[in-house]
């Protein structure tokens, strides 16, 4: 279920969902929407999920109680 190749490319490039094709949505002027899309992508894309987990560690993300 891992689609990230060693060279950083995606194993399923030819059949990516539309939400993956435009990632990381940097051409979207409404960044808040693109950021929400990125967070929502964590449920369908292992690579995005792992990226968010790394960023959470890097920035010291703490869960609210």
PDB file of N, CA and C in Angstrom:
ATOM      1  N   UNK A   1       0.809  -1.193   0.000  1.00  0.00           N
ATOM      2  CA  UNK A   1       0.000   0.000   0.000  1.00  0.00           C
ATOM      3  C   UNK A   1       0.856   1.262   0.000  1.00  0.00           C
ATOM      4  N   UNK A   2       2.121   1.140  -0.177  1.00  0.00           N
ATOM      5  CA  UNK A   2       3.000   2.290  -0.234  1.00  0.00           C
ATOM      6  C   UNK A   2       3.209   2.662  -1.689  1.00  0.00           C
ATOM      7  N   UNK A   3       2.935   3.913  -2.029  1.00  0.00           N
ATOM      8  CA  UNK A   3       3.011   4.352  -3.411  1.00  0.00           C
ATOM      9  C   UNK A   3       4.209   5.240  -3.699  1.00  0.00           C
ATOM     10  N   UNK A   4       4.980   5.566  -2.675  1.00  0.00           N
ATOM     11  CA  UNK A   4       6.135   6.427  -2.857  1.00  0.00           C
ATOM     12  C   UNK A   4       7.347   5.578  -3.236  1.00  0.00           C
ATOM     13  N   UNK A   5       7.934   5.883  -4.382  1.00  0.00           N
ATOM     14  CA  UNK A   5       9.138   5.174  -4.826  1.00  0.00           C
ATOM     15  C   UNK A   5      10.359   5.780  -4.138  1.00  0.00           C
ATOM     16  N   UNK A   6      11.480   5.082  -4.210  1.00  0.00           N
ATOM     17  CA  UNK A   6      12.725   5.569  -3.598  1.00  0.00           C
ATOM     18  C   UNK A   6      13.161   6.905  -4.167  1.00  0.00           C
ATOM     19  N   UNK A   7      12.839   7.174  -5.438  1.00  0.00           N
ATOM     20  CA  UNK A   7      13.237   8.443  -6.055  1.00  0.00           C
ATOM     21  C   UNK A   7      12.265   9.583  -5.765  1.00  0.00           C
ATOM     22  N   UNK A   8      11.225   9.317  -4.959  1.00  0.00           N
ATOM     23  CA  UNK A   8      10.255  10.340  -4.588  1.00  0.00           C
ATOM     24  C   UNK A   8       9.056  10.423  -5.503  1.00  0.00           C
ATOM     25  N   UNK A   9       9.047   9.651  -6.576  1.00  0.00           N
ATOM     26  CA  UNK A   9       7.898   9.671  -7.485  1.00  0.00           C
ATOM     27  C   UNK A   9       6.797   8.750  -6.966  1.00  0.00           C
ATOM     28  N   UNK A  10       5.625   8.889  -7.558  1.00  0.00           N
ATOM     29  CA  UNK A  10       4.462   8.127  -7.118  1.00  0.00           C
ATOM     30  C   UNK A  10       4.279   6.884  -7.991  1.00  0.00           C
ATOM     31  N   UNK A  11       4.079   5.762  -7.354  1.00  0.00           N
ATOM     32  CA  UNK A  11       3.885   4.490  -8.038  1.00  0.00           C
ATOM     33  C   UNK A  11       2.621   4.491  -8.902  1.00  0.00           C
ATOM     34  N   UNK A  12       1.604   5.230  -8.503  1.00  0.00           N
ATOM     35  CA  UNK A  12       0.327   5.211  -9.228  1.00  0.00           C
ATOM     36  C   UNK A  12       0.113   6.488 -10.050  1.00  0.00           C
ATOM     37  N   UNK A  13       1.187   7.059 -10.554  1.00  0.00           N
ATOM     38  CA  UNK A  13       1.126   8.320 -11.301  1.00  0.00           C
ATOM     39  C   UNK A  13       0.024   8.326 -12.365  1.00  0.00           C
ATOM     40  N   UNK A  14      -0.084   7.259 -13.128  1.00  0.00           N
ATOM     41  CA  UNK A  14      -1.026   7.217 -14.245  1.00  0.00           C
ATOM     42  C   UNK A  14      -2.489   7.236 -13.805  1.00  0.00           C
ATOM     43  N   UNK A  15      -2.774   6.802 -12.592  1.00  0.00           N
ATOM     44  CA  UNK A  15      -4.178   6.727 -12.167  1.00  0.00           C
ATOM     45  C   UNK A  15      -4.429   7.482 -10.861  1.00  0.00           C
ATOM     46  N   UNK A  16      -3.642   8.521 -10.600  1.00  0.00           N
ATOM     47  CA  UNK A  16      -3.824   9.318  -9.380  1.00  0.00           C
ATOM     48  C   UNK A  16      -5.202   9.964  -9.344  1.00  0.00           C
ATOM     49  N   UNK A  17      -5.789  10.079  -8.170  1.00  0.00           N
ATOM     50  CA  UNK A  17      -7.030  10.849  -8.029  1.00  0.00           C
ATOM     51  C   UNK A  17      -6.748  12.327  -8.318  1.00  0.00           C
ATOM     52  N   UNK A  18      -7.752  13.061  -8.728  1.00  0.00           N
ATOM     53  CA  UNK A  18      -7.588  14.481  -9.053  1.00  0.00           C
ATOM     54  C   UNK A  18      -6.963  15.260  -7.903  1.00  0.00           C
ATOM     55  N   UNK A  19      -7.335  14.927  -6.673  1.00  0.00           N
ATOM     56  CA  UNK A  19      -6.794  15.658  -5.530  1.00  0.00           C
ATOM     57  C   UNK A  19      -5.288  15.472  -5.388  1.00  0.00           C
ATOM     58  N   UNK A  20      -4.763  14.383  -5.887  1.00  0.00           N
ATOM     59  CA  UNK A  20      -3.314  14.151  -5.834  1.00  0.00           C
ATOM     60  C   UNK A  20      -2.584  14.858  -6.972  1.00  0.00           C
ATOM     61  N   UNK A  21      -3.212  14.937  -8.125  1.00  0.00           N
ATOM     62  CA  UNK A  21      -2.549  15.510  -9.300  1.00  0.00           C
ATOM     63  C   UNK A  21      -2.118  16.954  -9.075  1.00  0.00           C
ATOM     64  N   UNK A  22      -2.909  17.720  -8.368  1.00  0.00           N
ATOM     65  CA  UNK A  22      -2.586  19.118  -8.144  1.00  0.00           C
ATOM     66  C   UNK A  22      -1.761  19.401  -6.900  1.00  0.00           C
ATOM     67  N   UNK A  23      -1.489  18.358  -6.134  1.00  0.00           N
ATOM     68  CA  UNK A  23      -0.751  18.527  -4.886  1.00  0.00           C
ATOM     69  C   UNK A  23       0.622  19.115  -5.146  1.00  0.00           C
ATOM     70  N   UNK A  24       1.104  20.067  -4.411  1.00  0.00           N
ATOM     71  CA  UNK A  24       0.614  20.572  -3.126  1.00  0.00           C
ATOM     72  C   UNK A  24      -0.249  21.832  -3.242  1.00  0.00           C
ATOM     73  N   UNK A  25      -0.882  22.034  -4.351  1.00  0.00           N
ATOM     74  CA  UNK A  25      -1.857  23.114  -4.544  1.00  0.00           C
ATOM     75  C   UNK A  25      -1.239  24.507  -4.399  1.00  0.00           C
ATOM     76  N   UNK A  26       0.031  24.641  -4.708  1.00  0.00           N
ATOM     77  CA  UNK A  26       0.705  25.917  -4.535  1.00  0.00           C
ATOM     78  C   UNK A  26       0.245  26.987  -5.510  1.00  0.00           C
ATOM     79  N   UNK A  27      -0.453  26.593  -6.566  1.00  0.00           N
ATOM     80  CA  UNK A  27      -0.959  27.580  -7.516  1.00  0.00           C
ATOM     81  C   UNK A  27      -2.346  28.096  -7.122  1.00  0.00           C
ATOM     82  N   UNK A  28      -2.883  27.617  -6.012  1.00  0.00           N
ATOM     83  CA  UNK A  28      -4.197  28.020  -5.528  1.00  0.00           C
ATOM     84  C   UNK A  28      -4.052  29.286  -4.679  1.00  0.00           C
ATOM     85  N   UNK A  29      -4.631  30.405  -5.134  1.00  0.00           N
ATOM     86  CA  UNK A  29      -4.479  31.646  -4.363  1.00  0.00           C
ATOM     87  C   UNK A  29      -5.141  31.604  -2.988  1.00  0.00           C
ATOM     88  N   UNK A  30      -6.098  30.755  -2.813  1.00  0.00           N
ATOM     89  CA  UNK A  30      -6.766  30.643  -1.518  1.00  0.00           C
ATOM     90  C   UNK A  30      -6.102  29.522  -0.720  1.00  0.00           C
ATOM     91  N   UNK A  31      -4.976  29.835  -0.121  1.00  0.00           N
ATOM     92  CA  UNK A  31      -4.171  28.822   0.558  1.00  0.00           C
ATOM     93  C   UNK A  31      -4.921  28.087   1.668  1.00  0.00           C
ATOM     94  N   UNK A  32      -5.849  28.751   2.328  1.00  0.00           N
ATOM     95  CA  UNK A  32      -6.555  28.059   3.415  1.00  0.00           C
ATOM     96  C   UNK A  32      -7.312  26.853   2.879  1.00  0.00           C
ATOM     97  N   UNK A  33      -7.907  27.002   1.703  1.00  0.00           N
ATOM     98  CA  UNK A  33      -8.624  25.875   1.098  1.00  0.00           C
ATOM     99  C   UNK A  33      -7.638  24.774   0.741  1.00  0.00           C
ATOM    100  N   UNK A  34      -6.495  25.147   0.184  1.00  0.00           N
ATOM    101  CA  UNK A  34      -5.519  24.123  -0.188  1.00  0.00           C
ATOM    102  C   UNK A  34      -4.944  23.440   1.048  1.00  0.00           C
ATOM    103  N   UNK A  35      -4.765  24.185   2.128  1.00  0.00           N
ATOM    104  CA  UNK A  35      -4.282  23.564   3.357  1.00  0.00           C
ATOM    105  C   UNK A  35      -5.300  22.571   3.909  1.00  0.00           C
ATOM    106  N   UNK A  36      -6.558  22.931   3.824  1.00  0.00           N
ATOM    107  CA  UNK A  36      -7.616  22.008   4.256  1.00  0.00           C
ATOM    108  C   UNK A  36      -7.595  20.760   3.375  1.00  0.00           C
ATOM    109  N   UNK A  37      -7.412  20.943   2.066  1.00  0.00           N
ATOM    110  CA  UNK A  37      -7.336  19.803   1.149  1.00  0.00           C
ATOM    111  C   UNK A  37      -6.166  18.894   1.498  1.00  0.00           C
ATOM    112  N   UNK A  38      -5.048  19.496   1.865  1.00  0.00           N
ATOM    113  CA  UNK A  38      -3.883  18.697   2.238  1.00  0.00           C
ATOM    114  C   UNK A  38      -4.203  17.856   3.474  1.00  0.00           C
ATOM    115  N   UNK A  39      -4.797  18.480   4.473  1.00  0.00           N
ATOM    116  CA  UNK A  39      -5.153  17.746   5.695  1.00  0.00           C
ATOM    117  C   UNK A  39      -6.145  16.634   5.380  1.00  0.00           C
ATOM    118  N   UNK A  40      -7.140  16.918   4.549  1.00  0.00           N
ATOM    119  CA  UNK A  40      -8.124  15.896   4.172  1.00  0.00           C
ATOM    120  C   UNK A  40      -7.472  14.750   3.396  1.00  0.00           C
ATOM    121  N   UNK A  41      -6.406  15.039   2.672  1.00  0.00           N
ATOM    122  CA  UNK A  41      -5.720  14.013   1.883  1.00  0.00           C
ATOM    123  C   UNK A  41      -5.022  12.978   2.750  1.00  0.00           C
ATOM    124  N   UNK A  42      -4.804  13.284   4.015  1.00  0.00           N
ATOM    125  CA  UNK A  42      -4.127  12.327   4.886  1.00  0.00           C
ATOM    126  C   UNK A  42      -4.912  11.029   5.028  1.00  0.00           C
ATOM    127  N   UNK A  43      -6.214  11.076   4.817  1.00  0.00           N
ATOM    128  CA  UNK A  43      -7.017   9.862   4.956  1.00  0.00           C
ATOM    129  C   UNK A  43      -6.959   8.967   3.719  1.00  0.00           C
ATOM    130  N   UNK A  44      -6.465   9.480   2.612  1.00  0.00           N
ATOM    131  CA  UNK A  44      -6.431   8.675   1.378  1.00  0.00           C
ATOM    132  C   UNK A  44      -5.038   8.501   0.793  1.00  0.00           C
ATOM    133  N   UNK A  45      -4.079   9.263   1.280  1.00  0.00           N
ATOM    134  CA  UNK A  45      -2.727   9.188   0.710  1.00  0.00           C
ATOM    135  C   UNK A  45      -1.707   8.988   1.819  1.00  0.00           C
ATOM    136  N   UNK A  46      -1.066   7.845   1.798  1.00  0.00           N
ATOM    137  CA  UNK A  46      -0.082   7.519   2.828  1.00  0.00           C
ATOM    138  C   UNK A  46       1.074   8.514   2.836  1.00  0.00           C
ATOM    139  N   UNK A  47       1.483   8.979   1.672  1.00  0.00           N
ATOM    140  CA  UNK A  47       2.605   9.912   1.585  1.00  0.00           C
ATOM    141  C   UNK A  47       2.263  11.218   2.296  1.00  0.00           C
ATOM    142  N   UNK A  48       1.068  11.746   2.056  1.00  0.00           N
ATOM    143  CA  UNK A  48       0.644  12.984   2.715  1.00  0.00           C
ATOM    144  C   UNK A  48       0.542  12.757   4.225  1.00  0.00           C
ATOM    145  N   UNK A  49      -0.008  11.626   4.616  1.00  0.00           N
ATOM    146  CA  UNK A  49      -0.114  11.298   6.039  1.00  0.00           C
ATOM    147  C   UNK A  49       1.267  11.320   6.696  1.00  0.00           C
ATOM    148  N   UNK A  50       2.233  10.661   6.079  1.00  0.00           N
ATOM    149  CA  UNK A  50       3.586  10.616   6.632  1.00  0.00           C
ATOM    150  C   UNK A  50       4.219  12.001   6.674  1.00  0.00           C
ATOM    151  N   UNK A  51       3.972  12.810   5.645  1.00  0.00           N
ATOM    152  CA  UNK A  51       4.513  14.166   5.605  1.00  0.00           C
ATOM    153  C   UNK A  51       3.964  14.988   6.777  1.00  0.00           C
ATOM    154  N   UNK A  52       2.676  14.894   7.016  1.00  0.00           N
ATOM    155  CA  UNK A  52       2.054  15.624   8.123  1.00  0.00           C
ATOM    156  C   UNK A  52       2.604  15.138   9.460  1.00  0.00           C
ATOM    157  N   UNK A  53       2.797  13.837   9.603  1.00  0.00           N
ATOM    158  CA  UNK A  53       3.351  13.303  10.852  1.00  0.00           C
ATOM    159  C   UNK A  53       4.757  13.841  11.095  1.00  0.00           C
ATOM    160  N   UNK A  54       5.571  13.923  10.057  1.00  0.00           N
ATOM    161  CA  UNK A  54       6.924  14.471  10.195  1.00  0.00           C
ATOM    162  C   UNK A  54       6.872  15.942  10.582  1.00  0.00           C
ATOM    163  N   UNK A  55       5.979  16.701   9.934  1.00  0.00           N
ATOM    164  CA  UNK A  55       5.845  18.123  10.255  1.00  0.00           C
ATOM    165  C   UNK A  55       5.367  18.330  11.687  1.00  0.00           C
ATOM    166  N   UNK A  56       4.461  17.475  12.157  1.00  0.00           N
ATOM    167  CA  UNK A  56       3.990  17.578  13.537  1.00  0.00           C
ATOM    168  C   UNK A  56       5.145  17.408  14.515  1.00  0.00           C
ATOM    169  N   UNK A  57       6.022  16.449  14.245  1.00  0.00           N
ATOM    170  CA  UNK A  57       7.194  16.247  15.112  1.00  0.00           C
ATOM    171  C   UNK A  57       8.145  17.430  15.004  1.00  0.00           C
ATOM    172  N   UNK A  58       8.385  17.879  13.796  1.00  0.00           N
ATOM    173  CA  UNK A  58       9.325  18.984  13.545  1.00  0.00           C
ATOM    174  C   UNK A  58       8.907  20.262  14.265  1.00  0.00           C
ATOM    175  N   UNK A  59       7.612  20.540  14.262  1.00  0.00           N
ATOM    176  CA  UNK A  59       7.107  21.780  14.843  1.00  0.00           C
ATOM    177  C   UNK A  59       6.536  21.608  16.250  1.00  0.00           C
ATOM    178  N   UNK A  60       6.683  20.418  16.816  1.00  0.00           N
ATOM    179  CA  UNK A  60       6.253  20.200  18.193  1.00  0.00           C
ATOM    180  C   UNK A  60       4.749  20.267  18.388  1.00  0.00           C
ATOM    181  N   UNK A  61       4.006  19.756  17.428  1.00  0.00           N
ATOM    182  CA  UNK A  61       2.549  19.765  17.523  1.00  0.00           C
ATOM    183  C   UNK A  61       2.091  19.002  18.766  1.00  0.00           C
ATOM    184  N   UNK A  62       1.226  19.621  19.521  1.00  0.00           N
ATOM    185  CA  UNK A  62       0.645  18.993  20.697  1.00  0.00           C
ATOM    186  C   UNK A  62      -0.854  18.928  20.532  1.00  0.00           C
ATOM    187  N   UNK A  63      -1.427  17.802  20.843  1.00  0.00           N
ATOM    188  CA  UNK A  63      -2.882  17.621  20.755  1.00  0.00           C
ATOM    189  C   UNK A  63      -3.558  18.389  21.886  1.00  0.00           C
ATOM    190  N   UNK A  64      -4.648  19.084  21.544  1.00  0.00           N
ATOM    191  CA  UNK A  64      -5.405  19.807  22.576  1.00  0.00           C
ATOM    192  C   UNK A  64      -6.209  18.825  23.394  1.00  0.00           C
ATOM    193  N   UNK A  65      -6.353  19.150  24.671  1.00  0.00           N
ATOM    194  CA  UNK A  65      -7.121  18.270  25.570  1.00  0.00           C
ATOM    195  C   UNK A  65      -8.530  18.749  25.703  1.00  0.00           C
TER     196      UNK A  65
END
